[in-house]
C-alpha atoms as a PDB file:
ATOM      1  CA  LEU A   1      -0.408 124.937 113.358  1.00  0.00           C
ATOM      2  CA  LEU A   2       1.491 124.916 110.147  1.00  0.00           C
ATOM      3  CA  THR A   3      -1.699 125.572 108.231  1.00  0.00           C
ATOM      4  CA  LEU A   4      -2.390 128.810 110.107  1.00  0.00           C
ATOM      5  CA  LYS A   5       0.989 129.831 109.687  1.00  0.00           C
ATOM      6  CA  LEU A   6       0.578 129.291 105.746  1.00  0.00           C
ATOM      7  CA  LEU A   7      -2.473 131.008 105.956  1.00  0.00           C
ATOM      8  CA  GLY A   8      -0.991 133.943 107.541  1.00  0.00           C
ATOM      9  CA  ILE A   9       1.628 134.333 105.209  1.00  0.00           C
ATOM     10  CA  ILE A  10      -0.578 134.025 102.233  1.00  0.00           C
ATOM     11  CA  ALA A  11      -3.004 136.791 103.595  1.00  0.00           C
ATOM     12  CA  SER A  12      -0.301 139.095 104.364  1.00  0.00           C
ATOM     13  CA  VAL A  13       1.499 138.844 100.958  1.00  0.00           C
ATOM     14  CA  LEU A  14      -1.915 138.743  99.169  1.00  0.00           C
ATOM     15  CA  VAL A  15      -2.355 142.582  99.904  1.00  0.00           C
ATOM     16  CA  CYS A  16       0.770 143.257  97.928  1.00  0.00           C
ATOM     17  CA  ILE A  17      -0.689 142.354  94.712  1.00  0.00           C
ATOM     18  CA  PRO A  18      -3.474 144.973  94.306  1.00  0.00           C
ATOM     19  CA  ILE A  19      -1.268 147.499  95.807  1.00  0.00           C
ATOM     20  CA  TYR A  20       1.241 146.687  93.065  1.00  0.00           C
ATOM     21  CA  LEU A  21      -1.423 147.002  90.391  1.00  0.00           C
ATOM     22  CA  LEU A  22      -2.727 150.287  91.935  1.00  0.00           C
ATOM     23  CA  LEU A  23       0.697 151.868  92.040  1.00  0.00           C
ATOM     24  CA  ARG A  24       1.705 150.527  88.651  1.00  0.00           C
ATOM     25  CA  THR A  25      -0.707 152.572  86.794  1.00  0.00           C
ATOM     26  CA  THR A  26       1.538 155.570  87.270  1.00  0.00           C
ATOM     27  CA  LEU A  27       4.967 154.535  88.694  1.00  0.00           C
ATOM     28  CA  HIS A  28       7.745 152.630  87.186  1.00  0.00           C
ATOM     29  CA  PRO A  29       7.018 148.828  87.780  1.00  0.00           C
ATOM     30  CA  TRP A  30      10.148 148.597  89.964  1.00  0.00           C
ATOM     31  CA  VAL A  31       9.304 151.354  92.286  1.00  0.00           C
ATOM     32  CA  ALA A  32       5.628 149.995  92.447  1.00  0.00           C
ATOM     33  CA  ALA A  33       6.976 146.450  93.239  1.00  0.00           C
ATOM     34  CA  ILE A  34       9.069 147.933  96.041  1.00  0.00           C
ATOM     35  CA  LEU A  35       6.442 149.932  97.639  1.00  0.00           C
ATOM     36  CA  SER A  36       3.824 147.021  97.466  1.00  0.00           C
ATOM     37  CA  VAL A  37       6.432 144.894  99.090  1.00  0.00           C
ATOM     38  CA  ALA A  38       6.832 147.282 101.776  1.00  0.00           C
ATOM     39  CA  ALA A  39       3.112 146.712 102.486  1.00  0.00           C
ATOM     40  CA  ALA A  40       3.723 143.379 103.990  1.00  0.00           C
ATOM     41  CA  LEU A  41       6.289 144.839 106.381  1.00  0.00           C
ATOM     42  CA  THR A  42       4.086 147.455 108.098  1.00  0.00           C
ATOM     43  CA  PRO A  43       3.309 147.273 111.738  1.00  0.00           C
ATOM     44  CA  TYR A  44      -0.311 146.989 111.016  1.00  0.00           C
ATOM     45  CA  LYS A  45       0.216 143.695 109.442  1.00  0.00           C
ATOM     46  CA  SER A  46       2.291 142.360 112.253  1.00  0.00           C
ATOM     47  CA  GLU A  47      -0.331 143.250 114.693  1.00  0.00           C
ATOM     48  CA  VAL A  48      -3.391 141.680 112.628  1.00  0.00           C
ATOM     49  CA  LEU A  49      -1.031 138.534 112.161  1.00  0.00           C
ATOM     50  CA  ASN A  50      -0.566 138.067 115.768  1.00  0.00           C
ATOM     51  CA  PHE A  51      -4.081 138.008 116.733  1.00  0.00           C
ATOM     52  CA  GLY A  52      -5.207 135.957 113.760  1.00  0.00           C
ATOM     53  CA  GLY A  53      -6.892 138.468 111.667  1.00  0.00           C
ATOM     54  CA  TYR A  54      -6.722 136.966 108.356  1.00  0.00           C
ATOM     55  CA  PRO A  55     -10.247 137.815 107.259  1.00  0.00           C
ATOM     56  CA  GLN A  56      -9.119 141.390 107.922  1.00  0.00           C
ATOM     57  CA  LEU A  57      -6.055 141.075 105.812  1.00  0.00           C
ATOM     58  CA  LEU A  58      -7.987 139.231 103.022  1.00  0.00           C
ATOM     59  CA  GLY A  59     -10.668 142.295 103.282  1.00  0.00           C
ATOM     60  CA  THR A  60      -7.869 144.858 103.025  1.00  0.00           C
ATOM     61  CA  SER A  61      -6.762 143.142  99.884  1.00  0.00           C
ATOM     62  CA  PHE A  62     -10.075 143.061  98.384  1.00  0.00           C
ATOM     63  CA  PHE A  63     -10.460 146.915  99.528  1.00  0.00           C
ATOM     64  CA  VAL A  64      -7.548 147.931  97.464  1.00  0.00           C
ATOM     65  CA  LEU A  65      -8.188 145.741  94.416  1.00  0.00           C
ATOM     66  CA  THR A  66     -11.737 147.404  94.365  1.00  0.00           C
ATOM     67  CA  LEU A  67     -10.197 151.056  94.386  1.00  0.00           C
ATOM     68  CA  PHE A  68      -8.054 149.838  91.679  1.00  0.00           C
ATOM     69  CA  LEU A  69     -10.897 148.508  89.471  1.00  0.00           C
ATOM     70  CA  LEU A  70     -12.949 151.336  90.301  1.00  0.00           C
ATOM     71  CA  SER A  71     -10.356 153.799  89.319  1.00  0.00           C
ATOM     72  CA  ASN A  72      -9.837 152.151  85.834  1.00  0.00           C
ATOM     73  CA  GLY A  73     -13.559 152.033  85.381  1.00  0.00           C
ATOM     74  CA  LEU A  74     -13.860 155.666  85.911  1.00  0.00           C
ATOM     75  CA  ASN A  75     -10.898 156.300  83.686  1.00  0.00           C
ATOM     76  CA  THR A  76     -12.391 154.170  80.827  1.00  0.00           C
ATOM     77  CA  GLY A  77     -16.037 153.912  81.501  1.00  0.00           C
ATOM     78  CA  ARG A  78     -15.777 150.483  80.496  1.00  0.00           C
ATOM     79  CA  ARG A  79     -18.444 148.011  82.356  1.00  0.00           C
ATOM     80  CA  ILE A  80     -16.033 145.240  82.816  1.00  0.00           C
ATOM     81  CA  TRP A  81     -14.035 147.323  85.326  1.00  0.00           C
ATOM     82  CA  PHE A  82     -17.192 148.291  87.230  1.00  0.00           C
ATOM     83  CA  LEU A  83     -18.206 144.911  87.418  1.00  0.00           C
ATOM     84  CA  GLY A  84     -15.150 143.813  88.739  1.00  0.00           C
ATOM     85  CA  ALA A  85     -15.234 146.253  91.373  1.00  0.00           C
ATOM     86  CA  ALA A  86     -18.627 145.191  92.186  1.00  0.00           C
ATOM     87  CA  ILE A  87     -17.286 141.633  92.567  1.00  0.00           C
ATOM     88  CA  THR A  88     -14.448 142.795  94.904  1.00  0.00           C
ATOM     89  CA  THR A  89     -16.638 145.113  96.801  1.00  0.00           C
ATOM     90  CA  ALA A  90     -18.779 142.017  97.840  1.00  0.00           C
ATOM     91  CA  ALA A  91     -15.633 140.107  98.826  1.00  0.00           C
ATOM     92  CA  THR A  92     -14.527 142.959 101.024  1.00  0.00           C
ATOM     93  CA  ALA A  93     -17.930 143.006 102.491  1.00  0.00           C
ATOM     94  CA  SER A  94     -17.877 139.118 103.051  1.00  0.00           C
ATOM     95  CA  ALA A  95     -14.483 139.204 104.501  1.00  0.00           C
ATOM     96  CA  ASN A  96     -14.443 141.973 107.381  1.00  0.00           C
ATOM     97  CA  VAL A  97     -16.513 144.814 108.476  1.00  0.00           C
ATOM     98  CA  LEU A  98     -13.428 147.218 108.962  1.00  0.00           C
ATOM     99  CA  PRO A  99     -12.098 147.146 105.300  1.00  0.00           C
ATOM    100  CA  THR A 100     -15.774 147.415 104.347  1.00  0.00           C
ATOM    101  CA  MET A 101     -16.304 150.648 106.294  1.00  0.00           C
ATOM    102  CA  VAL A 102     -12.982 152.036 104.982  1.00  0.00           C
ATOM    103  CA  LEU A 103     -14.218 151.005 101.372  1.00  0.00           C
ATOM    104  CA  VAL A 104     -17.545 152.950 101.668  1.00  0.00           C
ATOM    105  CA  ILE A 105     -15.727 156.035 102.759  1.00  0.00           C
ATOM    106  CA  SER A 106     -12.856 155.970 100.461  1.00  0.00           C
ATOM    107  CA  SER A 107     -14.877 154.999  97.262  1.00  0.00           C
ATOM    108  CA  ALA A 108     -17.210 157.828  97.939  1.00  0.00           C
ATOM    109  CA  LEU A 109     -14.263 160.169  98.084  1.00  0.00           C
ATOM    110  CA  VAL A 110     -13.028 158.733  94.948  1.00  0.00           C
ATOM    111  CA  LEU A 111     -16.484 159.213  93.074  1.00  0.00           C
ATOM    112  CA  LEU A 112     -16.577 162.731  94.625  1.00  0.00           C
ATOM    113  CA  MET A 113     -13.086 163.891  93.478  1.00  0.00           C
ATOM    114  CA  ARG A 114     -13.446 162.383  90.083  1.00  0.00           C
ATOM    115  CA  SER A 115     -16.793 164.183  89.678  1.00  0.00           C
ATOM    116  CA  TYR A 116     -15.283 167.310  90.709  1.00  0.00           C
ATOM    117  CA  ARG A 117     -12.379 166.862  88.315  1.00  0.00           C
ATOM    118  CA  LEU A 118     -14.660 166.296  85.271  1.00  0.00           C
ATOM    119  CA  TRP A 119     -16.942 169.195  86.457  1.00  0.00           C
ATOM    120  CA  GLN A 120     -14.003 171.557  86.868  1.00  0.00           C
ATOM    121  CA  LYS A 121     -12.806 170.786  83.240  1.00  0.00           C
ATOM    122  CA  GLY A 122     -16.281 171.451  82.020  1.00  0.00           C
ATOM    123  CA  ASN A 123     -16.624 167.866  80.692  1.00  0.00           C
ATOM    124  CA  SER A 124     -20.211 167.080  79.877  1.00  0.00           C
ATOM    125  CA  ASN A 125     -19.520 163.138  80.366  1.00  0.00           C
ATOM    126  CA  ILE A 126     -19.709 163.443  84.030  1.00  0.00           C
ATOM    127  CA  TYR A 127     -23.460 162.214  84.226  1.00  0.00           C
ATOM    128  CA  VAL A 128     -22.851 159.467  81.915  1.00  0.00           C
ATOM    129  CA  LEU A 129     -19.911 158.283  83.948  1.00  0.00           C
ATOM    130  CA  LEU A 130     -21.727 158.456  87.246  1.00  0.00           C
ATOM    131  CA  ARG A 131     -24.693 156.812  85.613  1.00  0.00           C
ATOM    132  CA  CYS A 132     -22.348 153.936  84.592  1.00  0.00           C
ATOM    133  CA  ALA A 133     -20.701 153.495  87.921  1.00  0.00           C
ATOM    134  CA  GLY A 134     -24.215 153.561  89.461  1.00  0.00           C
ATOM    135  CA  LEU A 135     -25.556 150.806  87.058  1.00  0.00           C
ATOM    136  CA  TRP A 136     -22.384 148.563  86.737  1.00  0.00           C
ATOM    137  CA  TRP A 137     -20.698 149.114  90.365  1.00  0.00           C
ATOM    138  CA  ILE A 138     -23.144 150.273  92.780  1.00  0.00           C
ATOM    139  CA  LEU A 139     -26.231 148.393  91.963  1.00  0.00           C
ATOM    140  CA  PRO A 140     -24.475 145.039  91.482  1.00  0.00           C
ATOM    141  CA  SER A 141     -22.435 145.634  94.710  1.00  0.00           C
ATOM    142  CA  VAL A 142     -25.652 146.149  96.705  1.00  0.00           C
ATOM    143  CA  ILE A 143     -27.342 143.070  95.060  1.00  0.00           C
ATOM    144  CA  LEU A 144     -24.287 140.914  95.850  1.00  0.00           C
ATOM    145  CA  CYS A 145     -24.345 142.217  99.334  1.00  0.00           C
ATOM    146  CA  LEU A 146     -27.898 141.566 100.143  1.00  0.00           C
ATOM    147  CA  PRO A 147     -27.093 138.164 101.504  1.00  0.00           C
ATOM    148  CA  LEU A 148     -24.690 139.903 104.182  1.00  0.00           C
ATOM    149  CA  ALA A 149     -27.520 142.230 105.472  1.00  0.00           C
ATOM    150  CA  GLY A 150     -28.719 140.191 108.166  1.00  0.00           C
ATOM    151  CA  THR A 151     -25.144 139.527 109.489  1.00  0.00           C
ATOM    152  CA  TYR A 152     -24.436 143.336 109.402  1.00  0.00           C
ATOM    153  CA  LEU A 153     -27.581 144.322 111.006  1.00  0.00           C
ATOM    154  CA  ALA A 154     -26.811 141.855 113.828  1.00  0.00           C
ATOM    155  CA  TYR A 155     -23.335 143.186 114.227  1.00  0.00           C
ATOM    156  CA  LEU A 156     -24.297 146.585 114.435  1.00  0.00           C
ATOM    157  CA  SER A 157     -27.193 145.657 116.898  1.00  0.00           C
ATOM    158  CA  SER A 158     -26.719 146.438 120.456  1.00  0.00           C
ATOM    159  CA  ASP A 159     -29.160 143.413 121.458  1.00  0.00           C
ATOM    160  CA  ALA A 160     -27.217 141.573 123.908  1.00  0.00           C
ATOM    161  CA  ARG A 161     -28.883 138.194 122.356  1.00  0.00           C
ATOM    162  CA  SER A 162     -27.161 138.735 118.877  1.00  0.00           C
ATOM    163  CA  PRO A 163     -24.756 136.176 118.308  1.00  0.00           C
ATOM    164  CA  ALA A 164     -22.733 138.430 116.077  1.00  0.00           C
ATOM    165  CA  ASN A 165     -22.362 141.192 118.786  1.00  0.00           C
ATOM    166  CA  LEU A 166     -21.835 139.382 121.989  1.00  0.00           C
ATOM    167  CA  GLN A 167     -19.979 142.499 123.344  1.00  0.00           C
ATOM    168  CA  THR A 168     -22.658 144.812 122.267  1.00  0.00           C
ATOM    169  CA  PHE A 169     -20.382 147.221 120.265  1.00  0.00           C
ATOM    170  CA  THR A 170     -22.284 150.283 119.052  1.00  0.00           C
ATOM    171  CA  LEU A 171     -21.421 151.904 115.690  1.00  0.00           C
ATOM    172  CA  LEU A 172     -19.305 154.526 117.452  1.00  0.00           C
ATOM    173  CA  ASP A 173     -17.190 151.831 119.030  1.00  0.00           C
ATOM    174  CA  ILE A 174     -16.375 150.435 115.580  1.00  0.00           C
ATOM    175  CA  MET A 175     -15.653 153.814 114.142  1.00  0.00           C
ATOM    176  CA  HIS A 176     -13.110 154.134 117.133  1.00  0.00           C
ATOM    177  CA  TRP A 177     -11.659 150.994 115.820  1.00  0.00           C
ATOM    178  CA  LEU A 178     -10.956 152.539 112.493  1.00  0.00           C
ATOM    179  CA  SER A 179      -9.115 155.444 114.221  1.00  0.00           C
ATOM    180  CA  SER A 180      -6.768 153.037 116.123  1.00  0.00           C
ATOM    181  CA  ALA A 181      -6.474 150.100 113.863  1.00  0.00           C
ATOM    182  CA  TRP A 182      -6.070 151.966 110.586  1.00  0.00           C
ATOM    183  CA  LEU A 183      -4.478 155.174 111.634  1.00  0.00           C
ATOM    184  CA  TRP A 184      -0.873 154.318 110.938  1.00  0.00           C
ATOM    185  CA  GLU A 185      -1.580 152.143 108.012  1.00  0.00           C
ATOM    186  CA  PHE A 186       0.822 154.231 105.721  1.00  0.00           C
ATOM    187  CA  VAL A 187       0.565 152.047 102.573  1.00  0.00           C
ATOM    188  CA  LEU A 188      -3.046 151.777 102.636  1.00  0.00           C
ATOM    189  CA  TRP A 189      -3.585 155.721 103.118  1.00  0.00           C
ATOM    190  CA  SER A 190      -0.852 156.624 100.647  1.00  0.00           C
ATOM    191  CA  SER A 191      -2.786 154.405  98.160  1.00  0.00           C
ATOM    192  CA  ILE A 192      -6.021 156.134  98.684  1.00  0.00           C
ATOM    193  CA  LEU A 193      -4.171 159.714  98.601  1.00  0.00           C
ATOM    194  CA  PHE A 194      -2.501 158.369  95.223  1.00  0.00           C
ATOM    195  CA  ILE A 195      -5.834 157.685  93.761  1.00  0.00           C
ATOM    196  CA  ALA A 196      -7.208 160.961  94.829  1.00  0.00           C
ATOM    197  CA  VAL A 197      -4.136 162.866  93.109  1.00  0.00           C
ATOM    198  CA  VAL A 198      -3.964 160.825  90.061  1.00  0.00           C
END
């Protein structure tokens, strides 16, 4: 029982680190630290801790870290940031399906907004940056996530014999979870909005 409590504390506090890294890019370090600690105090974290959703919290940590690494990759164009984002994307997919779905949506939005900003400025580097993101983030992410394809297909399957989907949830049922479980996650959505604005 003590081990589970320690695991819950570690998983809950771990999400503060990538949020701090993300916020530190434009905020004063003290403000970023206070806001990142507030992430551990949200009602979402309490709910997930109560039912033992430690993989979901771990997936959220990897998800926010992916957005941080992707943002740095898009800002600098350096491959190392994109490769780090690929590794954390695979870690997110390995941890839990809900953060993975949010990651797919939010990273697509980040790419679209960054492309629009470059296009609006008339910057010709837009194609180079998107090609770099595709080659060094998306392609490695897909390759690293290939071993999970069978698990995700079984999870999304409505076959009653599937061991991953005993309750025969459909994709629409899972999307409903996103609207209920993630709706009030203030820090998460604030971080995504923050990336979009910056």
